[in-house]
Amino acid sequence: MSISGWRRREDLEGGKQIRIWLSEDDETELYVENLTYRDEGYAVYAYDVDADEWNTITETDSRADAVEKATEWAGS
């Protein structure tokens, strides 16, 4: 799945990371994580590289919904 202005970072995917995208300017990383091992469903986080800050975009029980919300956020 491609998102305009973003590239996949597949080398870090696996374990709890389902999808990771890096913005083309390398300022933001977008993560979709599987938190079911903690009985918490799935989460989407944006990491601001320069500010060293994590922001929660959404939390959901659906993996598909998490990926959809991530792509919507990245496209906005």
PDB file of N, CA and C in Angstrom:
ATOM      1  N   MET A   1       0.849  -1.167   0.000  1.00  0.00           N
ATOM      2  CA  MET A   1       0.000   0.000   0.000  1.00  0.00           C
ATOM      3  C   MET A   1       0.897   1.232   0.000  1.00  0.00           C
ATOM      4  N   SER A   2       0.759   2.071  -1.005  1.00  0.00           N
ATOM      5  CA  SER A   2       1.589   3.269  -1.054  1.00  0.00           C
ATOM      6  C   SER A   2       0.767   4.489  -0.652  1.00  0.00           C
ATOM      7  N   ILE A   3       1.460   5.441  -0.052  1.00  0.00           N
ATOM      8  CA  ILE A   3       0.858   6.703   0.360  1.00  0.00           C
ATOM      9  C   ILE A   3       1.721   7.801  -0.241  1.00  0.00           C
ATOM     10  N   SER A   4       1.102   8.713  -0.964  1.00  0.00           N
ATOM     11  CA  SER A   4       1.844   9.800  -1.591  1.00  0.00           C
ATOM     12  C   SER A   4       2.582  10.614  -0.528  1.00  0.00           C
ATOM     13  N   GLY A   5       3.881  10.829  -0.740  1.00  0.00           N
ATOM     14  CA  GLY A   5       4.691  11.595   0.197  1.00  0.00           C
ATOM     15  C   GLY A   5       5.313  10.763   1.301  1.00  0.00           C
ATOM     16  N   TRP A   6       5.072   9.451   1.271  1.00  0.00           N
ATOM     17  CA  TRP A   6       5.575   8.543   2.302  1.00  0.00           C
ATOM     18  C   TRP A   6       6.203   7.321   1.646  1.00  0.00           C
ATOM     19  N   ARG A   7       7.123   6.682   2.352  1.00  0.00           N
ATOM     20  CA  ARG A   7       7.701   5.423   1.886  1.00  0.00           C
ATOM     21  C   ARG A   7       7.672   4.412   3.037  1.00  0.00           C
ATOM     22  N   ARG A   8       7.472   3.155   2.686  1.00  0.00           N
ATOM     23  CA  ARG A   8       7.419   2.089   3.686  1.00  0.00           C
ATOM     24  C   ARG A   8       8.795   1.838   4.261  1.00  0.00           C
ATOM     25  N   ARG A   9       8.831   1.506   5.519  1.00  0.00           N
ATOM     26  CA  ARG A   9      10.071   1.107   6.187  1.00  0.00           C
ATOM     27  C   ARG A   9       9.888  -0.333   6.642  1.00  0.00           C
ATOM     28  N   GLU A  10      10.054  -1.237   5.700  1.00  0.00           N
ATOM     29  CA  GLU A  10       9.757  -2.644   5.953  1.00  0.00           C
ATOM     30  C   GLU A  10      10.795  -3.334   6.828  1.00  0.00           C
ATOM     31  N   ASP A  11      11.991  -2.777   6.945  1.00  0.00           N
ATOM     32  CA  ASP A  11      13.024  -3.416   7.753  1.00  0.00           C
ATOM     33  C   ASP A  11      12.682  -3.409   9.244  1.00  0.00           C
ATOM     34  N   LEU A  12      11.800  -2.515   9.677  1.00  0.00           N
ATOM     35  CA  LEU A  12      11.403  -2.475  11.081  1.00  0.00           C
ATOM     36  C   LEU A  12      10.068  -3.146  11.339  1.00  0.00           C
ATOM     37  N   GLU A  13       9.370  -3.554  10.280  1.00  0.00           N
ATOM     38  CA  GLU A  13       8.073  -4.192  10.464  1.00  0.00           C
ATOM     39  C   GLU A  13       8.255  -5.616  10.969  1.00  0.00           C
ATOM     40  N   GLY A  14       7.372  -6.010  11.825  1.00  0.00           N
ATOM     41  CA  GLY A  14       7.450  -7.334  12.419  1.00  0.00           C
ATOM     42  C   GLY A  14       7.210  -7.185  13.906  1.00  0.00           C
ATOM     43  N   GLY A  15       6.955  -8.278  14.579  1.00  0.00           N
ATOM     44  CA  GLY A  15       6.634  -8.146  15.992  1.00  0.00           C
ATOM     45  C   GLY A  15       5.369  -7.337  16.153  1.00  0.00           C
ATOM     46  N   LYS A  16       5.447  -6.272  16.933  1.00  0.00           N
ATOM     47  CA  LYS A  16       4.240  -5.468  17.152  1.00  0.00           C
ATOM     48  C   LYS A  16       4.014  -4.415  16.078  1.00  0.00           C
ATOM     49  N   GLN A  17       5.008  -4.111  15.245  1.00  0.00           N
ATOM     50  CA  GLN A  17       4.837  -3.136  14.167  1.00  0.00           C
ATOM     51  C   GLN A  17       4.241  -3.818  12.944  1.00  0.00           C
ATOM     52  N   ILE A  18       3.034  -3.387  12.560  1.00  0.00           N
ATOM     53  CA  ILE A  18       2.367  -3.944  11.388  1.00  0.00           C
ATOM     54  C   ILE A  18       2.796  -3.194  10.142  1.00  0.00           C
ATOM     55  N   ARG A  19       2.822  -1.874  10.228  1.00  0.00           N
ATOM     56  CA  ARG A  19       3.241  -1.022   9.112  1.00  0.00           C
ATOM     57  C   ARG A  19       4.011   0.165   9.674  1.00  0.00           C
ATOM     58  N   ILE A  20       5.026   0.585   8.924  1.00  0.00           N
ATOM     59  CA  ILE A  20       5.770   1.796   9.264  1.00  0.00           C
ATOM     60  C   ILE A  20       6.015   2.554   7.977  1.00  0.00           C
ATOM     61  N   TRP A  21       5.709   3.844   8.003  1.00  0.00           N
ATOM     62  CA  TRP A  21       5.995   4.717   6.870  1.00  0.00           C
ATOM     63  C   TRP A  21       6.864   5.865   7.349  1.00  0.00           C
ATOM     64  N   LEU A  22       7.746   6.334   6.483  1.00  0.00           N
ATOM     65  CA  LEU A  22       8.561   7.520   6.751  1.00  0.00           C
ATOM     66  C   LEU A  22       8.149   8.602   5.778  1.00  0.00           C
ATOM     67  N   SER A  23       8.004   9.818   6.280  1.00  0.00           N
ATOM     68  CA  SER A  23       7.688  10.921   5.373  1.00  0.00           C
ATOM     69  C   SER A  23       8.898  11.170   4.483  1.00  0.00           C
ATOM     70  N   GLU A  24       8.654  11.672   3.284  1.00  0.00           N
ATOM     71  CA  GLU A  24       9.755  11.898   2.343  1.00  0.00           C
ATOM     72  C   GLU A  24      10.774  12.898   2.869  1.00  0.00           C
ATOM     73  N   ASP A  25      10.360  13.784   3.785  1.00  0.00           N
ATOM     74  CA  ASP A  25      11.299  14.746   4.363  1.00  0.00           C
ATOM     75  C   ASP A  25      11.998  14.191   5.607  1.00  0.00           C
ATOM     76  N   ASP A  26      11.717  12.943   5.957  1.00  0.00           N
ATOM     77  CA  ASP A  26      12.309  12.251   7.109  1.00  0.00           C
ATOM     78  C   ASP A  26      12.011  12.922   8.443  1.00  0.00           C
ATOM     79  N   GLU A  27      10.952  13.726   8.511  1.00  0.00           N
ATOM     80  CA  GLU A  27      10.614  14.407   9.757  1.00  0.00           C
ATOM     81  C   GLU A  27       9.593  13.649  10.594  1.00  0.00           C
ATOM     82  N   THR A  28       8.844  12.743   9.963  1.00  0.00           N
ATOM     83  CA  THR A  28       7.785  12.026  10.672  1.00  0.00           C
ATOM     84  C   THR A  28       7.823  10.548  10.318  1.00  0.00           C
ATOM     85  N   GLU A  29       7.604   9.714  11.331  1.00  0.00           N
ATOM     86  CA  GLU A  29       7.449   8.280  11.147  1.00  0.00           C
ATOM     87  C   GLU A  29       6.036   7.925  11.594  1.00  0.00           C
ATOM     88  N   LEU A  30       5.364   7.093  10.823  1.00  0.00           N
ATOM     89  CA  LEU A  30       3.986   6.704  11.111  1.00  0.00           C
ATOM     90  C   LEU A  30       3.952   5.197  11.362  1.00  0.00           C
ATOM     91  N   TYR A  31       3.467   4.812  12.525  1.00  0.00           N
ATOM     92  CA  TYR A  31       3.468   3.416  12.943  1.00  0.00           C
ATOM     93  C   TYR A  31       2.053   2.896  13.137  1.00  0.00           C
ATOM     94  N   VAL A  32       1.806   1.671  12.690  1.00  0.00           N
ATOM     95  CA  VAL A  32       0.605   0.921  13.057  1.00  0.00           C
ATOM     96  C   VAL A  32       1.114  -0.259  13.874  1.00  0.00           C
ATOM     97  N   GLU A  33       0.664  -0.332  15.121  1.00  0.00           N
ATOM     98  CA  GLU A  33       1.177  -1.361  16.018  1.00  0.00           C
ATOM     99  C   GLU A  33       0.078  -2.284  16.519  1.00  0.00           C
ATOM    100  N   ASN A  34       0.449  -3.554  16.671  1.00  0.00           N
ATOM    101  CA  ASN A  34      -0.415  -4.591  17.214  1.00  0.00           C
ATOM    102  C   ASN A  34      -0.180  -4.648  18.722  1.00  0.00           C
ATOM    103  N   LEU A  35      -1.182  -4.269  19.487  1.00  0.00           N
ATOM    104  CA  LEU A  35      -1.063  -4.279  20.941  1.00  0.00           C
ATOM    105  C   LEU A  35      -1.917  -5.371  21.570  1.00  0.00           C
ATOM    106  N   THR A  36      -2.299  -6.363  20.766  1.00  0.00           N
ATOM    107  CA  THR A  36      -3.169  -7.425  21.278  1.00  0.00           C
ATOM    108  C   THR A  36      -2.471  -8.267  22.342  1.00  0.00           C
ATOM    109  N   TYR A  37      -1.151  -8.267  22.361  1.00  0.00           N
ATOM    110  CA  TYR A  37      -0.438  -9.011  23.400  1.00  0.00           C
ATOM    111  C   TYR A  37      -0.717  -8.395  24.777  1.00  0.00           C
ATOM    112  N   ARG A  38      -1.195  -7.140  24.789  1.00  0.00           N
ATOM    113  CA  ARG A  38      -1.584  -6.460  26.031  1.00  0.00           C
ATOM    114  C   ARG A  38      -3.108  -6.352  26.137  1.00  0.00           C
ATOM    115  N   ASP A  39      -3.808  -7.092  25.291  1.00  0.00           N
ATOM    116  CA  ASP A  39      -5.276  -7.029  25.224  1.00  0.00           C
ATOM    117  C   ASP A  39      -5.774  -5.616  24.942  1.00  0.00           C
ATOM    118  N   GLU A  40      -5.047  -4.879  24.083  1.00  0.00           N
ATOM    119  CA  GLU A  40      -5.401  -3.490  23.800  1.00  0.00           C
ATOM    120  C   GLU A  40      -5.697  -3.210  22.338  1.00  0.00           C
ATOM    121  N   GLY A  41      -5.762  -4.185  21.480  1.00  0.00           N
ATOM    122  CA  GLY A  41      -6.109  -3.953  20.076  1.00  0.00           C
ATOM    123  C   GLY A  41      -4.952  -3.418  19.261  1.00  0.00           C
ATOM    124  N   TYR A  42      -5.206  -2.338  18.512  1.00  0.00           N
ATOM    125  CA  TYR A  42      -4.224  -1.783  17.577  1.00  0.00           C
ATOM    126  C   TYR A  42      -4.141  -0.272  17.774  1.00  0.00           C
ATOM    127  N   ALA A  43      -2.980   0.297  17.477  1.00  0.00           N
ATOM    128  CA  ALA A  43      -2.797   1.737  17.643  1.00  0.00           C
ATOM    129  C   ALA A  43      -2.015   2.300  16.471  1.00  0.00           C
ATOM    130  N   VAL A  44      -2.266   3.572  16.210  1.00  0.00           N
ATOM    131  CA  VAL A  44      -1.528   4.312  15.190  1.00  0.00           C
ATOM    132  C   VAL A  44      -0.832   5.466  15.900  1.00  0.00           C
ATOM    133  N   TYR A  45       0.478   5.561  15.687  1.00  0.00           N
ATOM    134  CA  TYR A  45       1.281   6.616  16.298  1.00  0.00           C
ATOM    135  C   TYR A  45       2.041   7.374  15.226  1.00  0.00           C
ATOM    136  N   ALA A  46       2.225   8.663  15.459  1.00  0.00           N
ATOM    137  CA  ALA A  46       3.110   9.478  14.623  1.00  0.00           C
ATOM    138  C   ALA A  46       4.269   9.906  15.511  1.00  0.00           C
ATOM    139  N   TYR A  47       5.473   9.715  15.005  1.00  0.00           N
ATOM    140  CA  TYR A  47       6.671  10.110  15.738  1.00  0.00           C
ATOM    141  C   TYR A  47       7.309  11.290  15.028  1.00  0.00           C
ATOM    142  N   ASP A  48       7.441  12.412  15.733  1.00  0.00           N
ATOM    143  CA  ASP A  48       8.100  13.612  15.216  1.00  0.00           C
ATOM    144  C   ASP A  48       9.585  13.479  15.535  1.00  0.00           C
ATOM    145  N   VAL A  49      10.388  13.243  14.518  1.00  0.00           N
ATOM    146  CA  VAL A  49      11.813  12.971  14.698  1.00  0.00           C
ATOM    147  C   VAL A  49      12.524  14.157  15.339  1.00  0.00           C
ATOM    148  N   ASP A  50      12.298  15.360  14.828  1.00  0.00           N
ATOM    149  CA  ASP A  50      12.992  16.544  15.346  1.00  0.00           C
ATOM    150  C   ASP A  50      12.626  16.843  16.799  1.00  0.00           C
ATOM    151  N   ALA A  51      11.359  16.733  17.132  1.00  0.00           N
ATOM    152  CA  ALA A  51      10.898  17.043  18.491  1.00  0.00           C
ATOM    153  C   ALA A  51      11.034  15.851  19.438  1.00  0.00           C
ATOM    154  N   ASP A  52      11.313  14.655  18.894  1.00  0.00           N
ATOM    155  CA  ASP A  52      11.389  13.422  19.676  1.00  0.00           C
ATOM    156  C   ASP A  52      10.096  13.215  20.473  1.00  0.00           C
ATOM    157  N   GLU A  53       8.956  13.368  19.766  1.00  0.00           N
ATOM    158  CA  GLU A  53       7.641  13.236  20.395  1.00  0.00           C
ATOM    159  C   GLU A  53       6.788  12.199  19.682  1.00  0.00           C
ATOM    160  N   TRP A  54       6.062  11.412  20.479  1.00  0.00           N
ATOM    161  CA  TRP A  54       5.099  10.445  19.965  1.00  0.00           C
ATOM    162  C   TRP A  54       3.697  11.008  20.149  1.00  0.00           C
ATOM    163  N   ASN A  55       2.859  10.891  19.137  1.00  0.00           N
ATOM    164  CA  ASN A  55       1.467  11.321  19.213  1.00  0.00           C
ATOM    165  C   ASN A  55       0.574  10.159  18.803  1.00  0.00           C
ATOM    166  N   THR A  56      -0.424   9.880  19.617  1.00  0.00           N
ATOM    167  CA  THR A  56      -1.380   8.829  19.291  1.00  0.00           C
ATOM    168  C   THR A  56      -2.406   9.377  18.311  1.00  0.00           C
ATOM    169  N   ILE A  57      -2.529   8.723  17.165  1.00  0.00           N
ATOM    170  CA  ILE A  57      -3.511   9.111  16.155  1.00  0.00           C
ATOM    171  C   ILE A  57      -4.850   8.453  16.465  1.00  0.00           C
ATOM    172  N   THR A  58      -4.826   7.155  16.735  1.00  0.00           N
ATOM    173  CA  THR A  58      -6.054   6.425  17.067  1.00  0.00           C
ATOM    174  C   THR A  58      -5.705   5.103  17.731  1.00  0.00           C
ATOM    175  N   GLU A  59      -6.660   4.572  18.460  1.00  0.00           N
ATOM    176  CA  GLU A  59      -6.598   3.223  19.005  1.00  0.00           C
ATOM    177  C   GLU A  59      -7.903   2.543  18.625  1.00  0.00           C
ATOM    178  N   THR A  60      -7.824   1.286  18.225  1.00  0.00           N
ATOM    179  CA  THR A  60      -9.007   0.576  17.737  1.00  0.00           C
ATOM    180  C   THR A  60      -8.845  -0.921  17.977  1.00  0.00           C
ATOM    181  N   ASP A  61      -9.945  -1.637  17.919  1.00  0.00           N
ATOM    182  CA  ASP A  61      -9.907  -3.096  18.043  1.00  0.00           C
ATOM    183  C   ASP A  61      -9.680  -3.777  16.701  1.00  0.00           C
ATOM    184  N   SER A  62      -9.703  -3.013  15.624  1.00  0.00           N
ATOM    185  CA  SER A  62      -9.618  -3.570  14.274  1.00  0.00           C
ATOM    186  C   SER A  62      -8.289  -3.225  13.603  1.00  0.00           C
ATOM    187  N   ARG A  63      -7.595  -4.251  13.156  1.00  0.00           N
ATOM    188  CA  ARG A  63      -6.341  -4.043  12.422  1.00  0.00           C
ATOM    189  C   ARG A  63      -6.596  -3.256  11.134  1.00  0.00           C
ATOM    190  N   ALA A  64      -7.629  -3.648  10.398  1.00  0.00           N
ATOM    191  CA  ALA A  64      -7.952  -2.967   9.138  1.00  0.00           C
ATOM    192  C   ALA A  64      -8.285  -1.500   9.384  1.00  0.00           C
ATOM    193  N   ASP A  65      -9.027  -1.215  10.450  1.00  0.00           N
ATOM    194  CA  ASP A  65      -9.371   0.164  10.778  1.00  0.00           C
ATOM    195  C   ASP A  65      -8.117   0.962  11.134  1.00  0.00           C
ATOM    196  N   ALA A  66      -7.188   0.361  11.842  1.00  0.00           N
ATOM    197  CA  ALA A  66      -5.946   1.054  12.200  1.00  0.00           C
ATOM    198  C   ALA A  66      -5.156   1.439  10.952  1.00  0.00           C
ATOM    199  N   VAL A  67      -5.027   0.511  10.015  1.00  0.00           N
ATOM    200  CA  VAL A  67      -4.299   0.804   8.775  1.00  0.00           C
ATOM    201  C   VAL A  67      -5.031   1.881   7.984  1.00  0.00           C
ATOM    202  N   GLU A  68      -6.358   1.790   7.928  1.00  0.00           N
ATOM    203  CA  GLU A  68      -7.148   2.801   7.213  1.00  0.00           C
ATOM    204  C   GLU A  68      -6.971   4.186   7.837  1.00  0.00           C
ATOM    205  N   LYS A  69      -7.028   4.267   9.164  1.00  0.00           N
ATOM    206  CA  LYS A  69      -6.860   5.559   9.849  1.00  0.00           C
ATOM    207  C   LYS A  69      -5.464   6.121   9.616  1.00  0.00           C
ATOM    208  N   ALA A  70      -4.462   5.255   9.580  1.00  0.00           N
ATOM    209  CA  ALA A  70      -3.091   5.715   9.321  1.00  0.00           C
ATOM    210  C   ALA A  70      -2.970   6.308   7.926  1.00  0.00           C
ATOM    211  N   THR A  71      -3.538   5.631   6.946  1.00  0.00           N
ATOM    212  CA  THR A  71      -3.440   6.141   5.576  1.00  0.00           C
ATOM    213  C   THR A  71      -4.239   7.429   5.413  1.00  0.00           C
ATOM    214  N   GLU A  72      -5.386   7.527   6.090  1.00  0.00           N
ATOM    215  CA  GLU A  72      -6.157   8.773   6.048  1.00  0.00           C
ATOM    216  C   GLU A  72      -5.363   9.918   6.665  1.00  0.00           C
ATOM    217  N   TRP A  73      -4.756   9.663   7.825  1.00  0.00           N
ATOM    218  CA  TRP A  73      -3.970  10.700   8.507  1.00  0.00           C
ATOM    219  C   TRP A  73      -2.800  11.143   7.639  1.00  0.00           C
ATOM    220  N   ALA A  74      -2.108  10.192   7.042  1.00  0.00           N
ATOM    221  CA  ALA A  74      -0.942  10.512   6.209  1.00  0.00           C
ATOM    222  C   ALA A  74      -1.337  11.296   4.969  1.00  0.00           C
ATOM    223  N   GLY A  75      -2.546  11.066   4.474  1.00  0.00           N
ATOM    224  CA  GLY A  75      -3.001  11.755   3.277  1.00  0.00           C
ATOM    225  C   GLY A  75      -3.581  13.128   3.533  1.00  0.00           C
ATOM    226  N   SER A  76      -3.755  13.474   4.801  1.00  0.00           N
ATOM    227  CA  SER A  76      -4.370  14.774   5.112  1.00  0.00           C
ATOM    228  C   SER A  76      -3.356  15.894   5.219  1.00  0.00           C
TER     229      SER A  76
END
